[in-house]
Amino acid sequence: MSRSAHPAGPRYADLLPEGHYTAPPADLNHLDDKVWARTVARGDDGVVTVGGIEVTRLAEEFGTPAYFLDEADFRARCRSWADAFSGDADVFYAGKAFLSKAVVRWLHEEGLNLDVCSGGELITALDAGMPAERLAFHGNNKSPEEIERAIRAGVGRIVLDSFQEIVRVAHIARGLGVRQPVLIRVTVGVEAHTHEFIATAHEDQKFGIPLAGGQAAEAARRVLGLDSLELIGIHSHIGSQIFDTSGFEVAAHRVIGLLKEIRDEHGVELPEIDLGGGLGIAYTSADDPREPHHIAKALREIVTRECESAGLRVPRISVEPGRAIVGPTAFTLYEVGTIKPLEGLRTYVSVDGGMSDNIRTALYDAEYSVTLVSRASDAAPMLSRVVGKHCESGDIVVKDAFLPADLAPGDLIAVPATGAYCRSMASNYNHALRPPVVAVADGAARVIVRRETEEDLLRLDVG
C-alpha cells in the first residue's frame, strides 16, 4: 500500500467492483464468539448484554459513545497467556494497547508483567502498584528524565534502541550507582505480512539497531564493556496483527545467530530473548487468530531448534501481547443519529462518535464489525458505512457492513474488538470529549477511565 493517501482518508468514497462484498450474514442478530467478548450475549428480548447487563441500561447510565470492557474476559485472557508461557517464559502485557490503573492491578493480580514505552505509562504502572522489577521500558527516544525515573524506580529491563541510548542509560545508571539490566532491540530484516504502517522489523524504520553491517553486534560489544549496564538479552519485534509464526521463525533464526556471535566473540551466553508481540485478533468473522498455547508451543519449538543448531543453551523467552489480550474484551457503544441512503451505493449511518474514538480505520484502513444491539431485527440486510460526526470525509468507523434495513435514529449499535488502541489513540478532534472506559463484571459496571468534560477542555486552554 502506498504511503500517499487521499487527504480525506484512506480509500475515501471508493466504489469497489461488483462482487467485492461478501454475502450478507444469514442472521444479522448473530454474535460471533470470535469477535465479541466472552460474556456478551443477546437476550430473549433481542437486547445485547455484557456481564449480565443490558446495553440499553449501560447507555442510560454512562452515555454514548463509550467503551465497555468485559473484566472477566480480560482476566481470563491474562490467565491463558500466563498458563501457556509458564515455567520457562515471561509474558509482558504491552501497555500501549490500553493502560489504566485498573488494568495494571488486574495484570498484577493475574501474574503478568508489563511493558511500558513512555513516562506516562511508567508512572501509571508505578502508581497502580505494579512492582518495578516486573516492568520493561521501551521507546526509541526515551528522555533523560524518563530514564532516570525508570532506573530510580528499579525497572527490571530497559530496552536499548540506539547507540546514543546505550551511552545515555549507562551514564545515568553510573550516576545513580546502579547496574541496570538491559536488552538490545535489533531489527532483523523481517517484515510480517501486515499493513505497511505497522510492520516494524524491516530495516527502513525508526525502531532498533540493524543486524545488517554488524551494527547490532557492535552495540552488544559496547554494552558488555560498560560496568553500569548488564546485558541480559536481545529483543526483536516484527510487526502487528500477525496470524502465524513463520515470521517469528526467521526472526528467531537471526536473533539466535547474533547470540552465537556474542558467545563466540565475548564468551557470554545471554539468558533471554524477547520476541515481541503483534499477535492478531479477530476484528471480523474472516479473521482466524491462534490460541496462546498454540503460539507458545510453536515459539518454544522454533527457539529450541535454532539453539540446538547453533550449539547454545535455550534462553528464556519473553513475549509482549497487548492487543491479543485487551482487544477482544471491549466494544464501543454508539447511538445512531442520522441515516442517509445513497441509491445504488450504500447507506451512511452516522453515530455520535467517530475518528476521535477510533482512528484506526482512517489511519490503517482497519476493518471492523458492527451490530444492532438495542433490539433484534428481522429486516433485510442493508449495505452500510458507519461514519462519525467529525468534519472530515475520512471519518469512517466501519467501512462496509450489513445492518438491518429498519435501522432508525436512536438505535444503539456496537463495534466489537475495540479494546486495543482505540482509547489509547483517542483525540479531541473538533474538541470532542473522549469517551469513558467502563468495566463490566458479574452484573456490575464501574467507570475505570471517566468521560472527559467540557470543563476538562477549558481547563487546559489557558487563554
Protein backbone atom coordinates (compact mmCIF):
# COMPACT_ATOMS: atom_id res chain seq x y z
CA MET A 1 0.00 0.00 0.00
CA SER A 2 1.34 3.43 -0.90
CA ARG A 3 2.12 5.93 1.80
CA SER A 4 0.37 8.54 -0.34
CA ALA A 5 -3.22 8.91 0.79
CA HIS A 6 -6.28 10.83 -0.27
CA PRO A 7 -6.49 13.90 2.00
CA ALA A 8 -9.95 12.82 3.13
CA GLY A 9 -8.66 9.48 4.36
CA PRO A 10 -7.73 6.01 3.09
CA ARG A 11 -9.81 4.76 0.18
CA TYR A 12 -12.21 7.66 0.63
CA ALA A 13 -15.56 7.00 -1.05
CA ASP A 14 -14.15 4.16 -3.12
CA LEU A 15 -16.51 2.34 -5.43
CA LEU A 16 -15.42 -1.27 -5.34
CA PRO A 17 -16.05 -3.72 -8.17
CA GLU A 18 -19.32 -5.59 -8.29
CA GLY A 19 -19.00 -8.81 -6.34
CA HIS A 20 -16.41 -7.39 -3.93
CA TYR A 21 -18.74 -7.52 -0.98
CA THR A 22 -19.26 -10.82 0.73
CA ALA A 23 -22.80 -12.08 1.03
CA PRO A 24 -24.77 -10.72 3.96
CA PRO A 25 -24.70 -12.93 7.04
CA ALA A 26 -27.52 -15.41 7.33
CA ASP A 27 -28.56 -13.87 10.63
CA LEU A 28 -27.89 -10.19 11.35
CA ASN A 29 -28.64 -10.83 15.03
CA HIS A 30 -25.90 -13.44 15.45
CA LEU A 31 -22.91 -12.56 17.65
CA ASP A 32 -19.72 -14.31 16.52
CA ASP A 33 -17.79 -15.63 19.54
CA LYS A 34 -14.51 -14.91 17.76
CA VAL A 35 -15.25 -11.20 17.59
CA TRP A 36 -17.16 -10.44 20.78
CA ALA A 37 -16.08 -10.56 24.42
CA ARG A 38 -16.88 -13.78 26.23
CA THR A 39 -19.81 -12.62 28.36
CA VAL A 40 -21.57 -10.79 25.51
CA ALA A 41 -24.90 -12.39 24.59
CA ARG A 42 -28.23 -11.45 23.08
CA GLY A 43 -31.19 -11.85 25.42
CA ASP A 44 -34.59 -13.30 24.60
CA ASP A 45 -35.88 -9.76 24.09
CA GLY A 46 -33.18 -9.09 21.48
CA VAL A 47 -31.14 -6.71 23.64
CA VAL A 48 -27.43 -7.50 23.92
CA THR A 49 -25.90 -7.89 27.37
CA VAL A 50 -22.35 -7.89 28.69
CA GLY A 51 -21.51 -9.18 32.13
CA GLY A 52 -25.24 -9.73 32.57
CA ILE A 53 -26.16 -6.07 31.98
CA GLU A 54 -28.24 -4.85 29.04
CA VAL A 55 -26.57 -2.32 26.76
CA THR A 56 -29.68 -0.15 26.93
CA ARG A 57 -29.19 0.19 30.67
CA LEU A 58 -25.48 0.86 30.21
CA ALA A 59 -26.24 3.59 27.68
CA GLU A 60 -28.70 5.23 30.07
CA GLU A 61 -26.22 5.20 32.93
CA PHE A 62 -22.95 6.00 31.18
CA GLY A 63 -23.99 7.62 27.90
CA THR A 64 -22.63 7.08 24.41
CA PRO A 65 -20.17 6.80 22.86
CA ALA A 66 -18.46 4.65 25.49
CA TYR A 67 -16.09 1.71 25.66
CA PHE A 68 -17.37 -1.26 27.67
CA LEU A 69 -14.72 -3.70 28.84
CA ASP A 70 -15.53 -7.26 29.92
CA GLU A 71 -13.35 -7.66 33.03
CA ALA A 72 -13.92 -11.42 33.30
CA ASP A 73 -12.78 -11.86 29.69
CA PHE A 74 -9.70 -9.68 30.25
CA ARG A 75 -8.67 -11.68 33.30
CA ALA A 76 -9.33 -15.00 31.55
CA ARG A 77 -7.11 -13.97 28.63
CA CYS A 78 -4.36 -12.94 31.04
CA ARG A 79 -4.53 -16.37 32.66
CA SER A 80 -4.46 -18.12 29.28
CA TRP A 81 -1.27 -16.33 28.30
CA ALA A 82 0.32 -16.84 31.71
CA ASP A 83 -0.50 -20.56 31.65
CA ALA A 84 0.71 -21.02 28.07
CA PHE A 85 4.10 -19.46 28.82
CA SER A 86 4.53 -20.66 32.41
CA GLY A 87 7.82 -22.09 33.59
CA ASP A 88 10.43 -21.07 31.04
CA ALA A 89 8.99 -17.86 29.60
CA ASP A 90 7.63 -14.45 30.58
CA VAL A 91 4.59 -12.54 29.38
CA PHE A 92 4.76 -8.74 29.29
CA TYR A 93 1.44 -7.05 28.55
CA ALA A 94 2.05 -4.26 26.03
CA GLY A 95 0.62 -1.23 27.82
CA LYS A 96 0.39 0.85 24.65
CA ALA A 97 -2.69 -1.19 23.63
CA PHE A 98 -4.69 0.18 26.57
CA LEU A 99 -3.49 1.14 30.03
CA SER A 100 -5.25 2.33 33.14
CA LYS A 101 -4.68 1.84 36.84
CA ALA A 102 -7.42 -0.78 36.99
CA VAL A 103 -5.80 -2.72 34.15
CA VAL A 104 -2.42 -2.56 35.92
CA ARG A 105 -3.97 -4.03 39.06
CA TRP A 106 -5.62 -6.84 37.05
CA LEU A 107 -2.29 -7.65 35.39
CA HIS A 108 -0.55 -7.74 38.76
CA GLU A 109 -3.22 -9.99 40.25
CA GLU A 110 -3.14 -12.37 37.27
CA GLY A 111 0.66 -12.67 37.33
CA LEU A 112 1.60 -10.84 34.12
CA ASN A 113 4.45 -8.39 33.67
CA LEU A 114 4.03 -5.04 31.92
CA ASP A 115 5.79 -3.32 29.04
CA VAL A 116 5.68 0.50 29.02
CA CYS A 117 7.04 2.91 26.43
CA SER A 118 6.64 6.40 27.89
CA GLY A 119 6.95 8.30 31.12
CA GLY A 120 3.16 8.49 31.34
CA GLU A 121 2.75 4.72 31.03
CA LEU A 122 5.56 4.23 33.55
CA ILE A 123 4.03 6.48 36.21
CA THR A 124 0.60 4.88 35.68
CA ALA A 125 2.10 1.44 36.28
CA LEU A 126 4.00 2.53 39.37
CA ASP A 127 1.09 4.50 40.81
CA ALA A 128 -1.18 1.46 40.44
CA GLY A 129 1.25 -0.72 42.36
CA MET A 130 2.96 -2.82 39.70
CA PRO A 131 6.35 -3.91 41.13
CA ALA A 132 9.03 -2.07 39.18
CA GLU A 133 11.07 -5.23 38.66
CA ARG A 134 8.19 -6.60 36.57
CA LEU A 135 8.33 -3.65 34.16
CA ALA A 136 10.13 -3.37 30.84
CA PHE A 137 10.72 0.11 29.43
CA HIS A 138 10.67 0.52 25.65
CA GLY A 139 10.85 3.52 23.34
CA ASN A 140 13.04 4.80 20.53
CA ASN A 141 13.75 8.19 22.13
CA LYS A 142 13.49 7.98 25.91
CA SER A 143 14.28 11.29 27.57
CA PRO A 144 16.96 11.51 30.26
CA GLU A 145 14.20 12.32 32.75
CA GLU A 146 12.25 9.19 31.80
CA ILE A 147 15.36 7.02 32.00
CA GLU A 148 16.30 8.40 35.41
CA ARG A 149 12.79 7.84 36.76
CA ALA A 150 12.84 4.25 35.47
CA ILE A 151 16.24 3.47 36.98
CA ARG A 152 15.41 5.11 40.30
CA ALA A 153 12.19 3.06 40.45
CA GLY A 154 14.09 -0.18 39.84
CA VAL A 155 12.61 -1.09 36.45
CA GLY A 156 13.55 -4.68 35.64
CA ARG A 157 14.56 -4.12 32.00
CA ILE A 158 15.32 -1.16 29.79
CA VAL A 159 15.27 -1.95 26.08
CA LEU A 160 18.05 -0.06 24.31
CA ASP A 161 17.04 1.24 20.90
CA SER A 162 20.10 3.12 19.61
CA PHE A 163 23.81 3.73 20.15
CA GLN A 164 23.03 7.09 21.72
CA GLU A 165 20.72 5.40 24.19
CA ILE A 166 23.45 2.99 25.25
CA VAL A 167 25.53 5.96 26.34
CA ARG A 168 22.59 7.79 27.87
CA VAL A 169 21.35 4.89 30.01
CA ALA A 170 24.89 3.92 31.05
CA HIS A 171 25.69 7.50 32.11
CA ILE A 172 22.52 7.88 34.19
CA ALA A 173 22.88 4.44 35.77
CA ARG A 174 26.50 5.17 36.70
CA GLY A 175 25.50 8.45 38.29
CA LEU A 176 22.89 6.64 40.39
CA GLY A 177 25.28 3.86 41.34
CA VAL A 178 23.13 1.22 39.65
CA ARG A 179 23.95 -1.68 37.32
CA GLN A 180 20.89 -1.57 35.08
CA PRO A 181 19.66 -4.73 33.29
CA VAL A 182 19.11 -4.04 29.58
CA LEU A 183 18.16 -5.70 26.32
CA ILE A 184 19.19 -4.52 22.86
CA ARG A 185 16.38 -4.13 20.35
CA VAL A 186 17.52 -5.28 16.94
CA THR A 187 15.89 -5.01 13.54
CA VAL A 188 16.17 -8.38 11.89
CA GLY A 189 15.04 -7.50 8.36
CA VAL A 190 11.81 -9.49 8.68
CA GLU A 191 8.57 -7.80 7.65
CA ALA A 192 5.42 -9.51 8.90
CA HIS A 193 2.52 -9.84 6.48
CA THR A 194 0.67 -6.83 7.74
CA HIS A 195 -0.11 -3.20 6.92
CA GLU A 196 2.93 -1.18 5.93
CA PHE A 197 2.48 1.41 8.66
CA ILE A 198 2.52 -1.18 11.47
CA ALA A 199 5.23 -3.50 10.20
CA THR A 200 8.23 -2.72 12.39
CA ALA A 201 11.13 -5.10 11.74
CA HIS A 202 12.21 -4.26 8.20
CA GLU A 203 15.33 -2.13 8.13
CA ASP A 204 13.89 1.16 6.83
CA GLN A 205 12.17 2.23 10.06
CA LYS A 206 12.84 4.04 13.30
CA PHE A 207 12.99 1.13 15.75
CA GLY A 208 16.02 -0.84 16.86
CA ILE A 209 19.61 -1.38 15.78
CA PRO A 210 20.04 -3.27 12.49
CA LEU A 211 21.71 -6.65 12.34
CA ALA A 212 22.97 -5.63 8.92
CA GLY A 213 26.55 -4.42 8.73
CA GLY A 214 27.40 -5.78 12.16
CA GLN A 215 25.68 -2.86 13.91
CA ALA A 216 23.81 -4.98 16.46
CA ALA A 217 26.98 -6.96 17.23
CA GLU A 218 28.83 -3.68 17.80
CA ALA A 219 26.06 -2.49 20.11
CA ALA A 220 26.43 -5.69 22.16
CA ARG A 221 30.21 -5.18 22.34
CA ARG A 222 29.74 -1.65 23.68
CA VAL A 223 27.14 -2.65 26.27
CA LEU A 224 29.26 -5.55 27.52
CA GLY A 225 32.12 -3.12 28.06
CA LEU A 226 30.11 -0.83 30.38
CA ASP A 227 30.10 -1.60 34.10
CA SER A 228 26.79 0.23 34.69
CA LEU A 229 24.86 -1.94 32.21
CA GLU A 230 24.04 -5.64 32.46
CA LEU A 231 23.18 -7.10 29.06
CA ILE A 232 20.62 -9.83 29.67
CA GLY A 233 19.21 -10.38 26.20
CA ILE A 234 18.16 -9.40 22.71
CA HIS A 235 14.77 -8.00 21.71
CA SER A 236 13.02 -8.27 18.36
CA HIS A 237 9.57 -7.21 17.13
CA ILE A 238 8.37 -7.99 13.62
CA GLY A 239 5.00 -6.27 13.24
CA SER A 240 1.37 -6.24 14.28
CA GLN A 241 -1.84 -8.19 13.69
CA ILE A 242 0.10 -11.37 12.83
CA PHE A 243 -1.77 -14.68 12.48
CA ASP A 244 1.05 -17.20 12.01
CA THR A 245 4.53 -17.82 13.39
CA SER A 246 6.51 -18.05 10.15
CA GLY A 247 7.86 -14.53 10.58
CA PHE A 248 8.95 -15.35 14.12
CA GLU A 249 10.86 -18.37 12.80
CA VAL A 250 13.00 -16.23 10.52
CA ALA A 251 13.44 -13.58 13.23
CA ALA A 252 14.45 -16.18 15.84
CA HIS A 253 17.00 -17.67 13.44
CA ARG A 254 18.66 -14.28 13.03
CA VAL A 255 18.46 -13.30 16.70
CA ILE A 256 19.99 -16.59 17.79
CA GLY A 257 22.68 -16.11 15.18
CA LEU A 258 23.53 -12.88 16.98
CA LEU A 259 23.56 -14.70 20.34
CA LYS A 260 26.04 -17.20 18.89
CA GLU A 261 28.21 -14.38 17.58
CA ILE A 262 28.21 -12.74 21.03
CA ARG A 263 29.09 -16.07 22.66
CA ASP A 264 31.91 -16.77 20.23
CA GLU A 265 33.45 -13.28 20.47
CA HIS A 266 32.88 -12.45 24.14
CA GLY A 267 32.38 -15.80 25.86
CA VAL A 268 28.93 -14.74 27.10
CA GLU A 269 25.67 -16.62 26.57
CA LEU A 270 22.83 -14.18 27.07
CA PRO A 271 19.98 -15.67 29.12
CA GLU A 272 16.95 -14.06 27.40
CA ILE A 273 15.36 -13.28 24.06
CA ASP A 274 12.22 -11.21 23.69
CA LEU A 275 10.28 -11.99 20.51
CA GLY A 276 7.93 -9.04 20.93
CA GLY A 277 4.22 -9.03 20.31
CA GLY A 278 1.96 -8.18 17.39
CA LEU A 279 -0.19 -11.29 17.51
CA GLY A 280 -3.54 -10.75 15.84
CA ILE A 281 -7.16 -10.86 16.93
CA ALA A 282 -10.46 -11.31 15.12
CA TYR A 283 -11.90 -7.96 14.06
CA THR A 284 -14.27 -9.72 11.66
CA SER A 285 -15.50 -13.29 11.26
CA ALA A 286 -12.96 -13.76 8.47
CA ASP A 287 -10.01 -13.43 10.89
CA ASP A 288 -8.62 -16.59 12.48
CA PRO A 289 -6.26 -15.88 15.39
CA ARG A 290 -4.30 -18.63 17.14
CA GLU A 291 -4.76 -19.55 20.78
CA PRO A 292 -1.97 -18.72 23.29
CA HIS A 293 -0.99 -22.35 23.90
CA HIS A 294 -0.53 -22.91 20.15
CA ILE A 295 1.63 -19.80 19.92
CA ALA A 296 3.69 -20.79 22.97
CA LYS A 297 4.30 -24.30 21.63
CA ALA A 298 5.35 -23.01 18.22
CA LEU A 299 7.71 -20.37 19.62
CA ARG A 300 9.34 -22.83 22.03
CA GLU A 301 9.92 -25.30 19.19
CA ILE A 302 11.38 -22.61 16.95
CA VAL A 303 13.78 -21.28 19.58
CA THR A 304 14.82 -24.75 20.76
CA ARG A 305 15.54 -25.92 17.21
CA GLU A 306 17.58 -22.81 16.39
CA CYS A 307 19.58 -23.02 19.63
CA GLU A 308 20.37 -26.69 19.11
CA SER A 309 21.62 -25.88 15.63
CA ALA A 310 23.78 -23.05 17.00
CA GLY A 311 25.08 -25.05 19.97
CA LEU A 312 23.55 -22.67 22.52
CA ARG A 313 21.60 -23.19 25.69
CA VAL A 314 17.93 -22.34 25.18
CA PRO A 315 17.35 -18.83 26.59
CA ARG A 316 14.28 -17.70 28.50
CA ILE A 317 11.66 -16.41 26.08
CA SER A 318 9.59 -13.24 26.55
CA VAL A 319 6.53 -12.21 24.55
CA GLU A 320 4.51 -8.99 24.59
CA PRO A 321 0.81 -9.50 23.82
CA GLY A 322 -1.23 -6.34 24.18
CA ARG A 323 -3.94 -6.31 21.53
CA ALA A 324 -4.22 -10.13 21.86
CA ILE A 325 -5.31 -9.69 25.48
CA VAL A 326 -7.36 -6.49 25.64
CA GLY A 327 -8.54 -6.12 22.04
CA PRO A 328 -11.40 -8.65 22.07
CA THR A 329 -12.54 -7.74 25.58
CA ALA A 330 -14.19 -4.42 24.75
CA PHE A 331 -16.70 -2.89 22.38
CA THR A 332 -17.68 0.68 21.61
CA LEU A 333 -21.35 1.56 22.01
CA TYR A 334 -22.82 4.28 19.79
CA GLU A 335 -26.23 5.83 19.25
CA VAL A 336 -27.40 6.21 15.66
CA GLY A 337 -28.03 9.83 14.73
CA THR A 338 -28.82 10.04 11.01
CA ILE A 339 -29.28 7.52 8.20
CA LYS A 340 -28.57 8.59 4.63
CA PRO A 341 -29.29 6.10 1.79
CA LEU A 342 -27.34 6.66 -1.43
CA GLU A 343 -29.19 4.76 -4.13
CA GLY A 344 -27.04 2.18 -5.87
CA LEU A 345 -24.14 2.68 -3.48
CA ARG A 346 -24.62 2.22 0.26
CA THR A 347 -26.33 3.75 3.27
CA TYR A 348 -24.37 6.10 5.51
CA VAL A 349 -25.13 5.58 9.20
CA SER A 350 -23.86 8.46 11.35
CA VAL A 351 -23.15 7.85 15.04
CA ASP A 352 -22.32 10.10 17.97
CA GLY A 353 -18.60 9.26 17.94
CA GLY A 354 -16.16 8.66 15.12
CA MET A 355 -12.48 9.04 14.36
CA SER A 356 -11.85 10.75 17.71
CA ASP A 357 -12.63 7.46 19.49
CA ASN A 358 -11.41 5.09 16.75
CA ILE A 359 -8.76 6.48 14.42
CA ARG A 360 -7.62 3.06 13.24
CA THR A 361 -9.96 2.84 10.25
CA ALA A 362 -8.70 6.14 8.86
CA LEU A 363 -5.09 5.55 9.88
CA TYR A 364 -4.59 1.89 8.99
CA ASP A 365 -7.53 1.10 6.73
CA ALA A 366 -8.61 -1.24 9.54
CA GLU A 367 -11.71 -3.38 9.24
CA TYR A 368 -14.33 -3.79 11.95
CA SER A 369 -17.68 -5.44 12.51
CA VAL A 370 -20.84 -3.69 13.72
CA THR A 371 -24.15 -4.95 15.10
CA LEU A 372 -27.51 -3.54 16.15
CA VAL A 373 -27.56 -4.26 19.89
CA SER A 374 -30.56 -2.44 21.41
CA ARG A 375 -33.03 -4.82 19.76
CA ALA A 376 -33.23 -7.71 17.34
CA SER A 377 -34.39 -7.23 13.76
CA ASP A 378 -35.80 -9.44 11.02
CA ALA A 379 -35.41 -6.73 8.38
CA ALA A 380 -33.41 -7.28 5.20
CA PRO A 381 -29.68 -6.55 5.29
CA MET A 382 -28.59 -3.08 4.21
CA LEU A 383 -25.06 -2.38 2.96
CA SER A 384 -23.89 0.36 5.29
CA ARG A 385 -20.93 2.56 6.10
CA VAL A 386 -20.78 3.66 9.73
CA VAL A 387 -19.36 7.17 9.99
CA GLY A 388 -18.76 9.66 12.75
CA LYS A 389 -19.82 13.23 13.40
CA HIS A 390 -16.50 14.94 12.67
CA CYS A 391 -15.85 17.47 9.91
CA GLU A 392 -13.75 15.04 7.92
CA SER A 393 -14.77 12.92 4.94
CA GLY A 394 -12.43 10.19 6.10
CA ASP A 395 -14.26 9.96 9.44
CA ILE A 396 -15.19 6.30 8.99
CA VAL A 397 -15.66 3.78 11.79
CA VAL A 398 -16.73 0.72 9.77
CA LYS A 399 -16.19 0.93 6.03
CA ASP A 400 -18.61 -1.70 4.85
CA ALA A 401 -21.02 -3.79 6.87
CA PHE A 402 -24.57 -5.09 6.76
CA LEU A 403 -27.10 -3.62 9.16
CA PRO A 404 -30.86 -4.19 9.16
CA ALA A 405 -32.84 -2.01 6.79
CA ASP A 406 -35.17 -0.89 9.58
CA LEU A 407 -32.32 0.78 11.46
CA ALA A 408 -33.52 4.09 12.89
CA PRO A 409 -32.15 7.12 14.74
CA GLY A 410 -31.91 6.34 18.43
CA ASP A 411 -30.91 2.69 17.90
CA LEU A 412 -27.77 1.50 19.63
CA ILE A 413 -25.08 -0.17 17.57
CA ALA A 414 -21.82 -1.61 18.82
CA VAL A 415 -18.40 -2.15 17.26
CA PRO A 416 -16.56 -5.10 18.85
CA ALA A 417 -12.84 -5.68 19.33
CA THR A 418 -12.09 -2.06 20.22
CA GLY A 419 -10.20 -2.75 23.45
CA ALA A 420 -6.80 -2.15 21.89
CA TYR A 421 -5.58 1.25 20.69
CA CYS A 422 -8.98 2.93 20.34
CA ARG A 423 -8.94 4.68 23.73
CA SER A 424 -5.14 4.87 23.70
CA MET A 425 -5.17 6.75 20.40
CA ALA A 426 -8.33 8.76 21.05
CA SER A 427 -8.20 12.50 20.42
CA ASN A 428 -10.08 15.74 20.97
CA TYR A 429 -10.51 16.41 17.25
CA ASN A 430 -13.27 19.01 16.81
CA HIS A 431 -13.00 19.38 20.61
CA ALA A 432 -14.75 16.05 21.03
CA LEU A 433 -14.83 14.66 24.55
CA ARG A 434 -13.01 11.36 24.85
CA PRO A 435 -15.38 8.56 25.93
CA PRO A 436 -15.21 6.70 29.23
CA VAL A 437 -14.00 3.15 29.72
CA VAL A 438 -16.48 1.16 31.78
CA ALA A 439 -15.55 -2.22 33.25
CA VAL A 440 -18.40 -4.71 33.49
CA ALA A 441 -18.37 -7.91 35.53
CA ASP A 442 -20.93 -10.11 37.29
CA GLY A 443 -23.85 -7.75 36.85
CA ALA A 444 -22.00 -4.64 37.98
CA ALA A 445 -20.43 -1.80 35.98
CA ARG A 446 -17.95 0.85 37.06
CA VAL A 447 -16.03 3.61 35.32
CA ILE A 448 -12.29 2.98 35.22
CA VAL A 449 -11.47 5.94 32.95
CA ARG A 450 -14.04 8.72 33.17
CA ARG A 451 -15.55 10.63 30.28
CA GLU A 452 -13.91 13.96 29.56
CA THR A 453 -15.97 17.05 30.24
CA GLU A 454 -16.14 20.50 28.70
CA GLU A 455 -14.51 21.75 31.89
CA ASP A 456 -11.52 19.49 31.14
CA LEU A 457 -11.12 21.10 27.73
CA LEU A 458 -11.42 24.64 29.05
CA ARG A 459 -9.06 23.95 31.94
CA LEU A 460 -6.26 23.11 29.51
CA ASP A 461 -6.88 26.24 27.45
CA VAL A 462 -5.07 28.90 29.44
CA GLY A 463 -6.08 31.72 27.10
